[in-house]
Amino acid sequence: MIRVPYPCVIQDKFCGIINISVEALHDVMTEDPETRTYKDCMLMSQHEEPKVTEDEEPPTEQDKRKKMLALKDPVHTVSLQQFIYEKLKAQQEILGEQGFQSLMETVDTEIVTQLQEFLQGF
């Protein structure tokens, strides 16, 4: 059995990984119209209290347990935006600036533009 080095697999699948990443960012990010920045709507804070309107019941103990469980899930605790940024930075360090740029050129320009919009500020 031949073992393929980890970076090689990433490079072979890079375009697809970026496409899926941008698609996922579209699913979980919301844009603040005032600042024109994006926020991961899946993130939860321990201190964040659910907003209860007058016609809703306050959270039950079961609701509180569900929230505590959700707070242990990376989907709700790790920013997808930051995660993607960090993984791209790591890939750039492995390949060097020129190698990474060559890899980015394999990705559709519209997808790259969308990725750059999502990662502004990092």
PDB file of N, CA and C in Angstrom:
ATOM      1  N   MET A   1       0.841  -1.181   0.000  1.00  0.00           N
ATOM      2  CA  MET A   1       0.000   0.000   0.000  1.00  0.00           C
ATOM      3  C   MET A   1       0.887   1.246   0.000  1.00  0.00           C
ATOM      4  N   ILE A   2       0.616   2.143  -0.910  1.00  0.00           N
ATOM      5  CA  ILE A   2       1.367   3.391  -1.009  1.00  0.00           C
ATOM      6  C   ILE A   2       0.632   4.463  -0.213  1.00  0.00           C
ATOM      7  N   ARG A   3       1.372   5.133   0.645  1.00  0.00           N
ATOM      8  CA  ARG A   3       0.789   6.223   1.434  1.00  0.00           C
ATOM      9  C   ARG A   3       1.028   7.540   0.727  1.00  0.00           C
ATOM     10  N   VAL A   4      -0.048   8.286   0.507  1.00  0.00           N
ATOM     11  CA  VAL A   4       0.053   9.604  -0.122  1.00  0.00           C
ATOM     12  C   VAL A   4       0.188  10.641   0.983  1.00  0.00           C
ATOM     13  N   PRO A   5       1.172  11.523   0.887  1.00  0.00           N
ATOM     14  CA  PRO A   5       1.320  12.560   1.916  1.00  0.00           C
ATOM     15  C   PRO A   5       0.073  13.430   2.003  1.00  0.00           C
ATOM     16  N   TYR A   6      -0.232  13.854   3.214  1.00  0.00           N
ATOM     17  CA  TYR A   6      -1.417  14.676   3.499  1.00  0.00           C
ATOM     18  C   TYR A   6      -1.554  15.889   2.585  1.00  0.00           C
ATOM     19  N   PRO A   7      -0.510  16.726   2.445  1.00  0.00           N
ATOM     20  CA  PRO A   7      -0.677  17.925   1.612  1.00  0.00           C
ATOM     21  C   PRO A   7      -1.043  17.597   0.171  1.00  0.00           C
ATOM     22  N   CYS A   8      -0.562  16.448  -0.339  1.00  0.00           N
ATOM     23  CA  CYS A   8      -0.856  16.061  -1.710  1.00  0.00           C
ATOM     24  C   CYS A   8      -2.362  15.857  -1.913  1.00  0.00           C
ATOM     25  N   VAL A   9      -3.004  15.227  -0.960  1.00  0.00           N
ATOM     26  CA  VAL A   9      -4.443  14.978  -1.039  1.00  0.00           C
ATOM     27  C   VAL A   9      -5.185  16.312  -1.064  1.00  0.00           C
ATOM     28  N   ILE A  10      -4.786  17.223  -0.198  1.00  0.00           N
ATOM     29  CA  ILE A  10      -5.416  18.547  -0.139  1.00  0.00           C
ATOM     30  C   ILE A  10      -5.247  19.260  -1.475  1.00  0.00           C
ATOM     31  N   GLN A  11      -4.058  19.206  -2.031  1.00  0.00           N
ATOM     32  CA  GLN A  11      -3.800  19.890  -3.292  1.00  0.00           C
ATOM     33  C   GLN A  11      -4.623  19.293  -4.431  1.00  0.00           C
ATOM     34  N   ASP A  12      -4.748  17.969  -4.439  1.00  0.00           N
ATOM     35  CA  ASP A  12      -5.533  17.307  -5.491  1.00  0.00           C
ATOM     36  C   ASP A  12      -7.009  17.677  -5.416  1.00  0.00           C
ATOM     37  N   LYS A  13      -7.507  17.881  -4.217  1.00  0.00           N
ATOM     38  CA  LYS A  13      -8.937  18.158  -4.012  1.00  0.00           C
ATOM     39  C   LYS A  13      -9.210  19.633  -3.695  1.00  0.00           C
ATOM     40  N   PHE A  14      -8.200  20.482  -3.817  1.00  0.00           N
ATOM     41  CA  PHE A  14      -8.278  21.864  -3.349  1.00  0.00           C
ATOM     42  C   PHE A  14      -9.477  22.623  -3.926  1.00  0.00           C
ATOM     43  N   CYS A  15      -9.664  22.563  -5.223  1.00  0.00           N
ATOM     44  CA  CYS A  15     -10.751  23.305  -5.870  1.00  0.00           C
ATOM     45  C   CYS A  15     -12.112  22.888  -5.294  1.00  0.00           C
ATOM     46  N   GLY A  16     -12.331  21.602  -5.145  1.00  0.00           N
ATOM     47  CA  GLY A  16     -13.589  21.110  -4.575  1.00  0.00           C
ATOM     48  C   GLY A  16     -13.763  21.523  -3.133  1.00  0.00           C
ATOM     49  N   ILE A  17     -12.662  21.486  -2.363  1.00  0.00           N
ATOM     50  CA  ILE A  17     -12.724  21.891  -0.952  1.00  0.00           C
ATOM     51  C   ILE A  17     -13.116  23.359  -0.841  1.00  0.00           C
ATOM     52  N   ILE A  18     -12.532  24.198  -1.680  1.00  0.00           N
ATOM     53  CA  ILE A  18     -12.860  25.632  -1.653  1.00  0.00           C
ATOM     54  C   ILE A  18     -14.308  25.852  -2.060  1.00  0.00           C
ATOM     55  N   ASN A  19     -14.758  25.162  -3.094  1.00  0.00           N
ATOM     56  CA  ASN A  19     -16.156  25.299  -3.533  1.00  0.00           C
ATOM     57  C   ASN A  19     -17.133  24.932  -2.418  1.00  0.00           C
ATOM     58  N   ILE A  20     -16.878  23.809  -1.760  1.00  0.00           N
ATOM     59  CA  ILE A  20     -17.755  23.362  -0.672  1.00  0.00           C
ATOM     60  C   ILE A  20     -17.679  24.329   0.510  1.00  0.00           C
ATOM     61  N   SER A  21     -16.479  24.833   0.790  1.00  0.00           N
ATOM     62  CA  SER A  21     -16.298  25.782   1.901  1.00  0.00           C
ATOM     63  C   SER A  21     -17.097  27.053   1.669  1.00  0.00           C
ATOM     64  N   VAL A  22     -17.033  27.589   0.451  1.00  0.00           N
ATOM     65  CA  VAL A  22     -17.778  28.815   0.134  1.00  0.00           C
ATOM     66  C   VAL A  22     -19.280  28.543   0.195  1.00  0.00           C
ATOM     67  N   GLU A  23     -19.697  27.388  -0.275  1.00  0.00           N
ATOM     68  CA  GLU A  23     -21.115  27.017  -0.200  1.00  0.00           C
ATOM     69  C   GLU A  23     -21.573  26.965   1.262  1.00  0.00           C
ATOM     70  N   ALA A  24     -20.755  26.365   2.125  1.00  0.00           N
ATOM     71  CA  ALA A  24     -21.087  26.287   3.550  1.00  0.00           C
ATOM     72  C   ALA A  24     -21.112  27.685   4.178  1.00  0.00           C
ATOM     73  N   LEU A  25     -20.184  28.537   3.789  1.00  0.00           N
ATOM     74  CA  LEU A  25     -20.178  29.914   4.311  1.00  0.00           C
ATOM     75  C   LEU A  25     -21.469  30.634   3.927  1.00  0.00           C
ATOM     76  N   HIS A  26     -21.936  30.419   2.706  1.00  0.00           N
ATOM     77  CA  HIS A  26     -23.216  31.023   2.292  1.00  0.00           C
ATOM     78  C   HIS A  26     -24.359  30.536   3.178  1.00  0.00           C
ATOM     79  N   ASP A  27     -24.284  29.281   3.616  1.00  0.00           N
ATOM     80  CA  ASP A  27     -25.347  28.708   4.440  1.00  0.00           C
ATOM     81  C   ASP A  27     -25.350  29.245   5.868  1.00  0.00           C
ATOM     82  N   VAL A  28     -24.173  29.511   6.439  1.00  0.00           N
ATOM     83  CA  VAL A  28     -24.115  29.848   7.865  1.00  0.00           C
ATOM     84  C   VAL A  28     -23.802  31.309   8.172  1.00  0.00           C
ATOM     85  N   MET A  29     -23.441  32.091   7.179  1.00  0.00           N
ATOM     86  CA  MET A  29     -23.060  33.479   7.445  1.00  0.00           C
ATOM     87  C   MET A  29     -24.226  34.427   7.153  1.00  0.00           C
ATOM     88  N   THR A  30     -24.352  35.429   8.018  1.00  0.00           N
ATOM     89  CA  THR A  30     -25.315  36.492   7.779  1.00  0.00           C
ATOM     90  C   THR A  30     -24.544  37.800   7.700  1.00  0.00           C
ATOM     91  N   GLU A  31     -25.002  38.686   6.841  1.00  0.00           N
ATOM     92  CA  GLU A  31     -24.310  39.959   6.649  1.00  0.00           C
ATOM     93  C   GLU A  31     -24.969  41.044   7.478  1.00  0.00           C
ATOM     94  N   ASP A  32     -24.146  41.801   8.178  1.00  0.00           N
ATOM     95  CA  ASP A  32     -24.619  42.970   8.909  1.00  0.00           C
ATOM     96  C   ASP A  32     -24.700  44.105   7.898  1.00  0.00           C
ATOM     97  N   PRO A  33     -25.916  44.605   7.610  1.00  0.00           N
ATOM     98  CA  PRO A  33     -26.059  45.620   6.559  1.00  0.00           C
ATOM     99  C   PRO A  33     -25.337  46.939   6.873  1.00  0.00           C
ATOM    100  N   GLU A  34     -25.178  47.252   8.145  1.00  0.00           N
ATOM    101  CA  GLU A  34     -24.524  48.510   8.516  1.00  0.00           C
ATOM    102  C   GLU A  34     -23.013  48.435   8.310  1.00  0.00           C
ATOM    103  N   THR A  35     -22.389  47.365   8.810  1.00  0.00           N
ATOM    104  CA  THR A  35     -20.930  47.259   8.734  1.00  0.00           C
ATOM    105  C   THR A  35     -20.466  46.494   7.502  1.00  0.00           C
ATOM    106  N   ARG A  36     -21.394  45.835   6.810  1.00  0.00           N
ATOM    107  CA  ARG A  36     -21.078  45.012   5.636  1.00  0.00           C
ATOM    108  C   ARG A  36     -20.057  43.922   5.975  1.00  0.00           C
ATOM    109  N   THR A  37     -20.143  43.415   7.210  1.00  0.00           N
ATOM    110  CA  THR A  37     -19.294  42.303   7.626  1.00  0.00           C
ATOM    111  C   THR A  37     -20.181  41.079   7.832  1.00  0.00           C
ATOM    112  N   TYR A  38     -19.550  39.928   7.872  1.00  0.00           N
ATOM    113  CA  TYR A  38     -20.293  38.677   8.011  1.00  0.00           C
ATOM    114  C   TYR A  38     -20.121  38.104   9.410  1.00  0.00           C
ATOM    115  N   LYS A  39     -21.176  37.426   9.867  1.00  0.00           N
ATOM    116  CA  LYS A  39     -21.173  36.803  11.184  1.00  0.00           C
ATOM    117  C   LYS A  39     -21.692  35.375  11.034  1.00  0.00           C
ATOM    118  N   ASP A  40     -21.055  34.449  11.722  1.00  0.00           N
ATOM    119  CA  ASP A  40     -21.462  33.049  11.695  1.00  0.00           C
ATOM    120  C   ASP A  40     -22.711  32.906  12.566  1.00  0.00           C
ATOM    121  N   CYS A  41     -23.852  32.624  11.949  1.00  0.00           N
ATOM    122  CA  CYS A  41     -25.111  32.564  12.695  1.00  0.00           C
ATOM    123  C   CYS A  41     -25.272  31.257  13.475  1.00  0.00           C
ATOM    124  N   MET A  42     -24.353  30.317  13.309  1.00  0.00           N
ATOM    125  CA  MET A  42     -24.434  29.053  14.033  1.00  0.00           C
ATOM    126  C   MET A  42     -23.749  29.129  15.401  1.00  0.00           C
ATOM    127  N   LEU A  43     -22.923  30.155  15.615  1.00  0.00           N
ATOM    128  CA  LEU A  43     -22.197  30.272  16.878  1.00  0.00           C
ATOM    129  C   LEU A  43     -23.148  30.581  18.015  1.00  0.00           C
ATOM    130  N   MET A  44     -22.891  29.963  19.154  1.00  0.00           N
ATOM    131  CA  MET A  44     -23.697  30.200  20.350  1.00  0.00           C
ATOM    132  C   MET A  44     -22.768  30.625  21.476  1.00  0.00           C
ATOM    133  N   SER A  45     -23.287  31.452  22.347  1.00  0.00           N
ATOM    134  CA  SER A  45     -22.522  31.894  23.506  1.00  0.00           C
ATOM    135  C   SER A  45     -23.177  31.325  24.757  1.00  0.00           C
ATOM    136  N   GLN A  46     -22.361  31.001  25.751  1.00  0.00           N
ATOM    137  CA  GLN A  46     -22.921  30.496  27.009  1.00  0.00           C
ATOM    138  C   GLN A  46     -23.763  31.572  27.680  1.00  0.00           C
ATOM    139  N   HIS A  47     -23.384  32.814  27.494  1.00  0.00           N
ATOM    140  CA  HIS A  47     -24.055  33.924  28.169  1.00  0.00           C
ATOM    141  C   HIS A  47     -25.265  34.439  27.399  1.00  0.00           C
ATOM    142  N   GLU A  48     -25.437  33.936  26.203  1.00  0.00           N
ATOM    143  CA  GLU A  48     -26.530  34.380  25.349  1.00  0.00           C
ATOM    144  C   GLU A  48     -27.848  33.797  25.853  1.00  0.00           C
ATOM    145  N   GLU A  49     -28.728  34.661  26.268  1.00  0.00           N
ATOM    146  CA  GLU A  49     -30.036  34.214  26.741  1.00  0.00           C
ATOM    147  C   GLU A  49     -31.023  34.248  25.576  1.00  0.00           C
ATOM    148  N   PRO A  50     -31.819  33.213  25.420  1.00  0.00           N
ATOM    149  CA  PRO A  50     -32.799  33.233  24.341  1.00  0.00           C
ATOM    150  C   PRO A  50     -33.809  34.360  24.550  1.00  0.00           C
ATOM    151  N   LYS A  51     -34.171  34.976  23.449  1.00  0.00           N
ATOM    152  CA  LYS A  51     -35.137  36.068  23.515  1.00  0.00           C
ATOM    153  C   LYS A  51     -36.542  35.472  23.605  1.00  0.00           C
ATOM    154  N   VAL A  52     -37.237  35.818  24.648  1.00  0.00           N
ATOM    155  CA  VAL A  52     -38.582  35.289  24.870  1.00  0.00           C
ATOM    156  C   VAL A  52     -39.574  36.424  24.694  1.00  0.00           C
ATOM    157  N   THR A  53     -40.534  36.217  23.797  1.00  0.00           N
ATOM    158  CA  THR A  53     -41.581  37.220  23.624  1.00  0.00           C
ATOM    159  C   THR A  53     -42.692  36.938  24.627  1.00  0.00           C
ATOM    160  N   GLU A  54     -43.610  37.849  24.734  1.00  0.00           N
ATOM    161  CA  GLU A  54     -44.682  37.730  25.731  1.00  0.00           C
ATOM    162  C   GLU A  54     -45.530  36.475  25.550  1.00  0.00           C
ATOM    163  N   ASP A  55     -45.731  36.054  24.299  1.00  0.00           N
ATOM    164  CA  ASP A  55     -46.591  34.898  24.061  1.00  0.00           C
ATOM    165  C   ASP A  55     -45.820  33.570  24.066  1.00  0.00           C
ATOM    166  N   GLU A  56     -44.539  33.594  24.406  1.00  0.00           N
ATOM    167  CA  GLU A  56     -43.749  32.364  24.487  1.00  0.00           C
ATOM    168  C   GLU A  56     -43.481  31.990  25.936  1.00  0.00           C
ATOM    169  N   GLU A  57     -43.299  30.704  26.128  1.00  0.00           N
ATOM    170  CA  GLU A  57     -42.957  30.190  27.452  1.00  0.00           C
ATOM    171  C   GLU A  57     -41.465  30.389  27.702  1.00  0.00           C
ATOM    172  N   PRO A  58     -41.072  30.632  28.946  1.00  0.00           N
ATOM    173  CA  PRO A  58     -39.633  30.696  29.246  1.00  0.00           C
ATOM    174  C   PRO A  58     -38.991  29.326  29.030  1.00  0.00           C
ATOM    175  N   PRO A  59     -37.671  29.271  28.839  1.00  0.00           N
ATOM    176  CA  PRO A  59     -37.026  27.979  28.570  1.00  0.00           C
ATOM    177  C   PRO A  59     -37.211  26.989  29.721  1.00  0.00           C
ATOM    178  N   THR A  60     -37.473  25.757  29.337  1.00  0.00           N
ATOM    179  CA  THR A  60     -37.635  24.690  30.337  1.00  0.00           C
ATOM    180  C   THR A  60     -36.256  24.137  30.688  1.00  0.00           C
ATOM    181  N   GLU A  61     -36.221  23.253  31.676  1.00  0.00           N
ATOM    182  CA  GLU A  61     -34.963  22.604  32.031  1.00  0.00           C
ATOM    183  C   GLU A  61     -34.426  21.789  30.851  1.00  0.00           C
ATOM    184  N   GLN A  62     -35.350  21.168  30.114  1.00  0.00           N
ATOM    185  CA  GLN A  62     -34.951  20.399  28.921  1.00  0.00           C
ATOM    186  C   GLN A  62     -34.317  21.328  27.889  1.00  0.00           C
ATOM    187  N   ASP A  63     -34.879  22.510  27.685  1.00  0.00           N
ATOM    188  CA  ASP A  63     -34.312  23.487  26.759  1.00  0.00           C
ATOM    189  C   ASP A  63     -32.908  23.887  27.200  1.00  0.00           C
ATOM    190  N   LYS A  64     -32.722  24.076  28.500  1.00  0.00           N
ATOM    191  CA  LYS A  64     -31.413  24.455  29.032  1.00  0.00           C
ATOM    192  C   LYS A  64     -30.400  23.328  28.833  1.00  0.00           C
ATOM    193  N   ARG A  65     -30.826  22.076  29.027  1.00  0.00           N
ATOM    194  CA  ARG A  65     -29.932  20.937  28.817  1.00  0.00           C
ATOM    195  C   ARG A  65     -29.530  20.824  27.342  1.00  0.00           C
ATOM    196  N   LYS A  66     -30.486  21.042  26.452  1.00  0.00           N
ATOM    197  CA  LYS A  66     -30.191  21.000  25.022  1.00  0.00           C
ATOM    198  C   LYS A  66     -29.161  22.066  24.653  1.00  0.00           C
ATOM    199  N   LYS A  67     -29.309  23.248  25.230  1.00  0.00           N
ATOM    200  CA  LYS A  67     -28.365  24.323  24.938  1.00  0.00           C
ATOM    201  C   LYS A  67     -26.975  23.954  25.452  1.00  0.00           C
ATOM    202  N   MET A  68     -26.887  23.409  26.655  1.00  0.00           N
ATOM    203  CA  MET A  68     -25.595  23.024  27.212  1.00  0.00           C
ATOM    204  C   MET A  68     -24.924  21.960  26.332  1.00  0.00           C
ATOM    205  N   LEU A  69     -25.711  21.037  25.800  1.00  0.00           N
ATOM    206  CA  LEU A  69     -25.182  20.018  24.906  1.00  0.00           C
ATOM    207  C   LEU A  69     -24.708  20.654  23.596  1.00  0.00           C
ATOM    208  N   ALA A  70     -25.495  21.568  23.069  1.00  0.00           N
ATOM    209  CA  ALA A  70     -25.135  22.249  21.823  1.00  0.00           C
ATOM    210  C   ALA A  70     -23.846  23.047  21.981  1.00  0.00           C
ATOM    211  N   LEU A  71     -23.615  23.572  23.179  1.00  0.00           N
ATOM    212  CA  LEU A  71     -22.404  24.363  23.417  1.00  0.00           C
ATOM    213  C   LEU A  71     -21.139  23.510  23.381  1.00  0.00           C
ATOM    214  N   LYS A  72     -21.290  22.201  23.389  1.00  0.00           N
ATOM    215  CA  LYS A  72     -20.142  21.309  23.282  1.00  0.00           C
ATOM    216  C   LYS A  72     -19.883  20.900  21.830  1.00  0.00           C
ATOM    217  N   ASP A  73     -20.775  21.265  20.940  1.00  0.00           N
ATOM    218  CA  ASP A  73     -20.673  20.905  19.527  1.00  0.00           C
ATOM    219  C   ASP A  73     -19.843  21.958  18.786  1.00  0.00           C
ATOM    220  N   PRO A  74     -18.786  21.539  18.065  1.00  0.00           N
ATOM    221  CA  PRO A  74     -17.961  22.510  17.334  1.00  0.00           C
ATOM    222  C   PRO A  74     -18.747  23.370  16.341  1.00  0.00           C
ATOM    223  N   VAL A  75     -19.866  22.853  15.840  1.00  0.00           N
ATOM    224  CA  VAL A  75     -20.692  23.639  14.924  1.00  0.00           C
ATOM    225  C   VAL A  75     -21.120  24.949  15.576  1.00  0.00           C
ATOM    226  N   HIS A  76     -21.335  24.901  16.890  1.00  0.00           N
ATOM    227  CA  HIS A  76     -21.818  26.082  17.613  1.00  0.00           C
ATOM    228  C   HIS A  76     -20.715  26.822  18.366  1.00  0.00           C
ATOM    229  N   THR A  77     -19.504  26.286  18.381  1.00  0.00           N
ATOM    230  CA  THR A  77     -18.437  26.915  19.166  1.00  0.00           C
ATOM    231  C   THR A  77     -17.239  27.363  18.338  1.00  0.00           C
ATOM    232  N   VAL A  78     -17.112  26.858  17.105  1.00  0.00           N
ATOM    233  CA  VAL A  78     -15.981  27.225  16.253  1.00  0.00           C
ATOM    234  C   VAL A  78     -16.508  28.000  15.050  1.00  0.00           C
ATOM    235  N   SER A  79     -15.960  29.176  14.833  1.00  0.00           N
ATOM    236  CA  SER A  79     -16.353  29.993  13.686  1.00  0.00           C
ATOM    237  C   SER A  79     -15.867  29.329  12.402  1.00  0.00           C
ATOM    238  N   LEU A  80     -16.795  29.026  11.492  1.00  0.00           N
ATOM    239  CA  LEU A  80     -16.426  28.424  10.212  1.00  0.00           C
ATOM    240  C   LEU A  80     -15.527  29.380   9.436  1.00  0.00           C
ATOM    241  N   GLN A  81     -15.825  30.638   9.508  1.00  0.00           N
ATOM    242  CA  GLN A  81     -15.046  31.675   8.838  1.00  0.00           C
ATOM    243  C   GLN A  81     -13.583  31.632   9.312  1.00  0.00           C
ATOM    244  N   GLN A  82     -13.382  31.616  10.605  1.00  0.00           N
ATOM    245  CA  GLN A  82     -12.034  31.591  11.166  1.00  0.00           C
ATOM    246  C   GLN A  82     -11.337  30.257  10.870  1.00  0.00           C
ATOM    247  N   PHE A  83     -12.081  29.163  10.960  1.00  0.00           N
ATOM    248  CA  PHE A  83     -11.523  27.840  10.690  1.00  0.00           C
ATOM    249  C   PHE A  83     -10.984  27.774   9.261  1.00  0.00           C
ATOM    250  N   ILE A  84     -11.768  28.231   8.294  1.00  0.00           N
ATOM    251  CA  ILE A  84     -11.343  28.204   6.889  1.00  0.00           C
ATOM    252  C   ILE A  84     -10.125  29.098   6.696  1.00  0.00           C
ATOM    253  N   TYR A  85     -10.142  30.273   7.298  1.00  0.00           N
ATOM    254  CA  TYR A  85      -9.006  31.183   7.190  1.00  0.00           C
ATOM    255  C   TYR A  85      -7.726  30.518   7.712  1.00  0.00           C
ATOM    256  N   GLU A  86      -7.812  29.903   8.882  1.00  0.00           N
ATOM    257  CA  GLU A  86      -6.638  29.273   9.483  1.00  0.00           C
ATOM    258  C   GLU A  86      -6.120  28.110   8.636  1.00  0.00           C
ATOM    259  N   LYS A  87      -7.025  27.332   8.055  1.00  0.00           N
ATOM    260  CA  LYS A  87      -6.601  26.201   7.213  1.00  0.00           C
ATOM    261  C   LYS A  87      -5.963  26.697   5.917  1.00  0.00           C
ATOM    262  N   LEU A  88      -6.482  27.783   5.359  1.00  0.00           N
ATOM    263  CA  LEU A  88      -5.864  28.345   4.152  1.00  0.00           C
ATOM    264  C   LEU A  88      -4.479  28.912   4.462  1.00  0.00           C
ATOM    265  N   LYS A  89      -4.355  29.559   5.612  1.00  0.00           N
ATOM    266  CA  LYS A  89      -3.045  30.089   6.031  1.00  0.00           C
ATOM    267  C   LYS A  89      -2.043  28.954   6.200  1.00  0.00           C
ATOM    268  N   ALA A  90      -2.468  27.854   6.814  1.00  0.00           N
ATOM    269  CA  ALA A  90      -1.591  26.701   7.012  1.00  0.00           C
ATOM    270  C   ALA A  90      -1.142  26.133   5.665  1.00  0.00           C
ATOM    271  N   GLN A  91      -2.077  26.037   4.728  1.00  0.00           N
ATOM    272  CA  GLN A  91      -1.740  25.528   3.393  1.00  0.00           C
ATOM    273  C   GLN A  91      -0.754  26.468   2.698  1.00  0.00           C
ATOM    274  N   GLN A  92      -0.942  27.761   2.895  1.00  0.00           N
ATOM    275  CA  GLN A  92      -0.040  28.751   2.302  1.00  0.00           C
ATOM    276  C   GLN A  92       1.378  28.605   2.881  1.00  0.00           C
ATOM    277  N   GLU A  93       1.469  28.333   4.165  1.00  0.00           N
ATOM    278  CA  GLU A  93       2.780  28.138   4.800  1.00  0.00           C
ATOM    279  C   GLU A  93       3.466  26.874   4.286  1.00  0.00           C
ATOM    280  N   ILE A  94       2.684  25.837   4.031  1.00  0.00           N
ATOM    281  CA  ILE A  94       3.247  24.580   3.522  1.00  0.00           C
ATOM    282  C   ILE A  94       3.782  24.761   2.105  1.00  0.00           C
ATOM    283  N   LEU A  95       2.999  25.442   1.258  1.00  0.00           N
ATOM    284  CA  LEU A  95       3.335  25.560  -0.163  1.00  0.00           C
ATOM    285  C   LEU A  95       4.211  26.760  -0.502  1.00  0.00           C
ATOM    286  N   GLY A  96       4.212  27.758   0.366  1.00  0.00           N
ATOM    287  CA  GLY A  96       4.878  29.012   0.033  1.00  0.00           C
ATOM    288  C   GLY A  96       3.910  29.893  -0.752  1.00  0.00           C
ATOM    289  N   GLU A  97       4.228  31.157  -0.832  1.00  0.00           N
ATOM    290  CA  GLU A  97       3.324  32.125  -1.481  1.00  0.00           C
ATOM    291  C   GLU A  97       3.047  31.762  -2.938  1.00  0.00           C
ATOM    292  N   GLN A  98       4.093  31.447  -3.682  1.00  0.00           N
ATOM    293  CA  GLN A  98       3.923  31.165  -5.109  1.00  0.00           C
ATOM    294  C   GLN A  98       3.142  29.870  -5.347  1.00  0.00           C
ATOM    295  N   GLY A  99       3.455  28.830  -4.584  1.00  0.00           N
ATOM    296  CA  GLY A  99       2.739  27.564  -4.722  1.00  0.00           C
ATOM    297  C   GLY A  99       1.269  27.701  -4.357  1.00  0.00           C
ATOM    298  N   PHE A 100       1.004  28.458  -3.291  1.00  0.00           N
ATOM    299  CA  PHE A 100      -0.379  28.672  -2.868  1.00  0.00           C
ATOM    300  C   PHE A 100      -1.135  29.476  -3.922  1.00  0.00           C
ATOM    301  N   GLN A 101      -0.484  30.486  -4.485  1.00  0.00           N
ATOM    302  CA  GLN A 101      -1.128  31.314  -5.516  1.00  0.00           C
ATOM    303  C   GLN A 101      -1.472  30.460  -6.732  1.00  0.00           C
ATOM    304  N   SER A 102      -0.571  29.563  -7.107  1.00  0.00           N
ATOM    305  CA  SER A 102      -0.842  28.661  -8.239  1.00  0.00           C
ATOM    306  C   SER A 102      -2.051  27.782  -7.949  1.00  0.00           C
ATOM    307  N   LEU A 103      -2.156  27.326  -6.719  1.00  0.00           N
ATOM    308  CA  LEU A 103      -3.291  26.499  -6.320  1.00  0.00           C
ATOM    309  C   LEU A 103      -4.593  27.300  -6.362  1.00  0.00           C
ATOM    310  N   MET A 104      -4.545  28.532  -5.884  1.00  0.00           N
ATOM    311  CA  MET A 104      -5.744  29.392  -5.891  1.00  0.00           C
ATOM    312  C   MET A 104      -6.203  29.698  -7.314  1.00  0.00           C
ATOM    313  N   GLU A 105      -5.282  29.698  -8.261  1.00  0.00           N
ATOM    314  CA  GLU A 105      -5.634  29.961  -9.659  1.00  0.00           C
ATOM    315  C   GLU A 105      -6.451  28.831 -10.266  1.00  0.00           C
ATOM    316  N   THR A 106      -6.490  27.683  -9.617  1.00  0.00           N
ATOM    317  CA  THR A 106      -7.292  26.561 -10.118  1.00  0.00           C
ATOM    318  C   THR A 106      -8.762  26.707  -9.731  1.00  0.00           C
ATOM    319  N   VAL A 107      -9.051  27.647  -8.841  1.00  0.00           N
ATOM    320  CA  VAL A 107     -10.413  27.855  -8.352  1.00  0.00           C
ATOM    321  C   VAL A 107     -11.093  28.920  -9.211  1.00  0.00           C
ATOM    322  N   ASP A 108     -12.362  28.716  -9.507  1.00  0.00           N
ATOM    323  CA  ASP A 108     -13.146  29.679 -10.277  1.00  0.00           C
ATOM    324  C   ASP A 108     -13.036  31.072  -9.664  1.00  0.00           C
ATOM    325  N   THR A 109     -12.852  32.090 -10.483  1.00  0.00           N
ATOM    326  CA  THR A 109     -12.630  33.459  -9.991  1.00  0.00           C
ATOM    327  C   THR A 109     -13.812  33.981  -9.178  1.00  0.00           C
ATOM    328  N   GLU A 110     -15.029  33.614  -9.537  1.00  0.00           N
ATOM    329  CA  GLU A 110     -16.210  34.053  -8.783  1.00  0.00           C
ATOM    330  C   GLU A 110     -16.198  33.452  -7.374  1.00  0.00           C
ATOM    331  N   ILE A 111     -15.806  32.196  -7.270  1.00  0.00           N
ATOM    332  CA  ILE A 111     -15.713  31.537  -5.961  1.00  0.00           C
ATOM    333  C   ILE A 111     -14.627  32.207  -5.122  1.00  0.00           C
ATOM    334  N   VAL A 112     -13.487  32.529  -5.731  1.00  0.00           N
ATOM    335  CA  VAL A 112     -12.401  33.213  -5.013  1.00  0.00           C
ATOM    336  C   VAL A 112     -12.881  34.575  -4.508  1.00  0.00           C
ATOM    337  N   THR A 113     -13.623  35.306  -5.337  1.00  0.00           N
ATOM    338  CA  THR A 113     -14.160  36.610  -4.936  1.00  0.00           C
ATOM    339  C   THR A 113     -15.091  36.465  -3.738  1.00  0.00           C
ATOM    340  N   GLN A 114     -15.976  35.473  -3.780  1.00  0.00           N
ATOM    341  CA  GLN A 114     -16.897  35.244  -2.666  1.00  0.00           C
ATOM    342  C   GLN A 114     -16.127  34.865  -1.400  1.00  0.00           C
ATOM    343  N   LEU A 115     -15.107  34.015  -1.548  1.00  0.00           N
ATOM    344  CA  LEU A 115     -14.286  33.614  -0.408  1.00  0.00           C
ATOM    345  C   LEU A 115     -13.611  34.833   0.212  1.00  0.00           C
ATOM    346  N   GLN A 116     -13.076  35.702  -0.613  1.00  0.00           N
ATOM    347  CA  GLN A 116     -12.407  36.912  -0.118  1.00  0.00           C
ATOM    348  C   GLN A 116     -13.385  37.808   0.627  1.00  0.00           C
ATOM    349  N   GLU A 117     -14.623  37.910   0.149  1.00  0.00           N
ATOM    350  CA  GLU A 117     -15.640  38.716   0.846  1.00  0.00           C
ATOM    351  C   GLU A 117     -15.922  38.150   2.221  1.00  0.00           C
ATOM    352  N   PHE A 118     -16.051  36.829   2.315  1.00  0.00           N
ATOM    353  CA  PHE A 118     -16.328  36.190   3.601  1.00  0.00           C
ATOM    354  C   PHE A 118     -15.153  36.334   4.577  1.00  0.00           C
ATOM    355  N   LEU A 119     -13.938  36.351   4.053  1.00  0.00           N
ATOM    356  CA  LEU A 119     -12.757  36.370   4.921  1.00  0.00           C
ATOM    357  C   LEU A 119     -12.179  37.766   5.141  1.00  0.00           C
ATOM    358  N   GLN A 120     -12.900  38.799   4.703  1.00  0.00           N
ATOM    359  CA  GLN A 120     -12.438  40.161   4.964  1.00  0.00           C
ATOM    360  C   GLN A 120     -12.283  40.370   6.461  1.00  0.00           C
ATOM    361  N   GLY A 121     -11.229  41.066   6.847  1.00  0.00           N
ATOM    362  CA  GLY A 121     -11.016  41.365   8.259  1.00  0.00           C
ATOM    363  C   GLY A 121     -10.145  40.351   8.970  1.00  0.00           C
ATOM    364  N   PHE A 122      -9.742  39.297   8.260  1.00  0.00           N
ATOM    365  CA  PHE A 122      -8.845  38.311   8.871  1.00  0.00           C
ATOM    366  C   PHE A 122      -7.438  38.566   8.395  1.00  0.00           C
TER     367      PHE A 122
END
